[in-house]
């Protein structure tokens, strides 16, 4: 029972992180990061569309991982 609960928590974590990384780089809050005020180099890197796309790509990878885990749920909890 504990293994199933941990599995559900892991899948929810993957999905939440995936959605966050997919959406957050394109929000206004990303532009208002306090680190951008102190470093012009970080400002150039973090506001670059290619970097934002890479972060969103990590979000897509997390979503795919969560979906793959759900699709293969029975394989982990098969009775032997």
C-alpha atoms as a PDB file:
ATOM      1  CA  UNK A   1       0.000   0.000   0.000  1.00  0.00           C
ATOM      2  CA  UNK A   2       2.851   2.378   0.807  1.00  0.00           C
ATOM      3  CA  UNK A   3       4.456   1.666  -2.562  1.00  0.00           C
ATOM      4  CA  UNK A   4       1.258   2.626  -4.373  1.00  0.00           C
ATOM      5  CA  UNK A   5       0.961   5.850  -2.388  1.00  0.00           C
ATOM      6  CA  UNK A   6       4.570   6.754  -3.181  1.00  0.00           C
ATOM      7  CA  UNK A   7       3.940   5.945  -6.832  1.00  0.00           C
ATOM      8  CA  UNK A   8       0.942   8.289  -6.935  1.00  0.00           C
ATOM      9  CA  UNK A   9       2.951  11.041  -5.231  1.00  0.00           C
ATOM     10  CA  UNK A  10       5.776  10.565  -7.751  1.00  0.00           C
ATOM     11  CA  UNK A  11       3.412  10.729 -10.727  1.00  0.00           C
ATOM     12  CA  UNK A  12       1.702  13.844  -9.367  1.00  0.00           C
ATOM     13  CA  UNK A  13       5.107  15.417  -8.789  1.00  0.00           C
ATOM     14  CA  UNK A  14       6.167  14.703 -12.377  1.00  0.00           C
ATOM     15  CA  UNK A  15       2.955  16.159 -13.766  1.00  0.00           C
ATOM     16  CA  UNK A  16       3.034  19.281 -11.582  1.00  0.00           C
ATOM     17  CA  UNK A  17       6.680  20.042 -12.323  1.00  0.00           C
ATOM     18  CA  UNK A  18       6.035  19.409 -16.011  1.00  0.00           C
ATOM     19  CA  UNK A  19       3.140  21.849 -16.154  1.00  0.00           C
ATOM     20  CA  UNK A  20       5.089  24.440 -14.163  1.00  0.00           C
ATOM     21  CA  UNK A  21       8.180  24.220 -16.387  1.00  0.00           C
ATOM     22  CA  UNK A  22       6.052  24.294 -19.508  1.00  0.00           C
ATOM     23  CA  UNK A  23       4.097  27.432 -18.572  1.00  0.00           C
ATOM     24  CA  UNK A  24       6.207  29.523 -16.185  1.00  0.00           C
ATOM     25  CA  UNK A  25       8.974  30.676 -18.573  1.00  0.00           C
ATOM     26  CA  UNK A  26       6.372  32.429 -20.715  1.00  0.00           C
ATOM     27  CA  UNK A  27       4.672  34.281 -17.859  1.00  0.00           C
ATOM     28  CA  UNK A  28       5.343  37.843 -16.757  1.00  0.00           C
ATOM     29  CA  UNK A  29       6.723  36.626 -13.407  1.00  0.00           C
ATOM     30  CA  UNK A  30       9.690  35.121 -15.276  1.00  0.00           C
ATOM     31  CA  UNK A  31      10.571  38.625 -16.518  1.00  0.00           C
ATOM     32  CA  UNK A  32      10.283  40.107 -13.015  1.00  0.00           C
ATOM     33  CA  UNK A  33      12.857  37.786 -11.420  1.00  0.00           C
ATOM     34  CA  UNK A  34      14.951  39.604  -8.789  1.00  0.00           C
ATOM     35  CA  UNK A  35      18.160  37.994 -10.120  1.00  0.00           C
ATOM     36  CA  UNK A  36      17.709  39.864 -13.391  1.00  0.00           C
ATOM     37  CA  UNK A  37      18.160  43.189 -11.632  1.00  0.00           C
ATOM     38  CA  UNK A  38      21.641  42.306 -10.362  1.00  0.00           C
ATOM     39  CA  UNK A  39      23.239  40.569 -13.310  1.00  0.00           C
ATOM     40  CA  UNK A  40      23.037  41.753 -16.887  1.00  0.00           C
ATOM     41  CA  UNK A  41      24.514  38.435 -18.098  1.00  0.00           C
ATOM     42  CA  UNK A  42      21.735  36.451 -16.413  1.00  0.00           C
ATOM     43  CA  UNK A  43      19.212  38.865 -17.881  1.00  0.00           C
ATOM     44  CA  UNK A  44      20.446  38.142 -21.409  1.00  0.00           C
ATOM     45  CA  UNK A  45      20.421  34.369 -20.846  1.00  0.00           C
ATOM     46  CA  UNK A  46      17.155  34.009 -18.928  1.00  0.00           C
ATOM     47  CA  UNK A  47      15.143  36.261 -21.227  1.00  0.00           C
ATOM     48  CA  UNK A  48      16.367  34.503 -24.371  1.00  0.00           C
ATOM     49  CA  UNK A  49      13.545  32.668 -26.149  1.00  0.00           C
ATOM     50  CA  UNK A  50      15.777  29.655 -26.821  1.00  0.00           C
ATOM     51  CA  UNK A  51      16.474  29.271 -23.083  1.00  0.00           C
ATOM     52  CA  UNK A  52      12.779  29.582 -22.310  1.00  0.00           C
ATOM     53  CA  UNK A  53      12.075  26.944 -24.923  1.00  0.00           C
ATOM     54  CA  UNK A  54      14.666  24.639 -23.359  1.00  0.00           C
ATOM     55  CA  UNK A  55      13.016  25.002 -19.945  1.00  0.00           C
ATOM     56  CA  UNK A  56       9.632  24.301 -21.537  1.00  0.00           C
ATOM     57  CA  UNK A  57      11.178  21.250 -23.209  1.00  0.00           C
ATOM     58  CA  UNK A  58      12.146  19.945 -19.772  1.00  0.00           C
ATOM     59  CA  UNK A  59       8.527  20.444 -18.765  1.00  0.00           C
ATOM     60  CA  UNK A  60       7.360  18.396 -21.728  1.00  0.00           C
ATOM     61  CA  UNK A  61       9.856  15.671 -20.794  1.00  0.00           C
ATOM     62  CA  UNK A  62       8.432  15.582 -17.257  1.00  0.00           C
ATOM     63  CA  UNK A  63       4.883  15.341 -18.596  1.00  0.00           C
ATOM     64  CA  UNK A  64       5.883  12.470 -20.871  1.00  0.00           C
ATOM     65  CA  UNK A  65       7.596  10.724 -17.961  1.00  0.00           C
ATOM     66  CA  UNK A  66       4.508  11.056 -15.777  1.00  0.00           C
ATOM     67  CA  UNK A  67       2.253   9.761 -18.548  1.00  0.00           C
ATOM     68  CA  UNK A  68       4.611   6.850 -19.225  1.00  0.00           C
ATOM     69  CA  UNK A  69       4.611   5.910 -15.544  1.00  0.00           C
ATOM     70  CA  UNK A  70       0.811   5.945 -15.460  1.00  0.00           C
ATOM     71  CA  UNK A  71       0.641   3.814 -18.605  1.00  0.00           C
ATOM     72  CA  UNK A  72       2.984   1.222 -17.058  1.00  0.00           C
ATOM     73  CA  UNK A  73       1.423   1.278 -13.590  1.00  0.00           C
ATOM     74  CA  UNK A  74       0.430  -2.387 -13.529  1.00  0.00           C
ATOM     75  CA  UNK A  75       3.918  -3.575 -14.389  1.00  0.00           C
ATOM     76  CA  UNK A  76       5.265  -2.296 -11.056  1.00  0.00           C
ATOM     77  CA  UNK A  77       2.555  -3.821  -8.900  1.00  0.00           C
ATOM     78  CA  UNK A  78       2.110  -7.210 -10.527  1.00  0.00           C
ATOM     79  CA  UNK A  79       1.567 -10.065  -8.086  1.00  0.00           C
ATOM     80  CA  UNK A  80       4.246 -12.704  -8.426  1.00  0.00           C
END
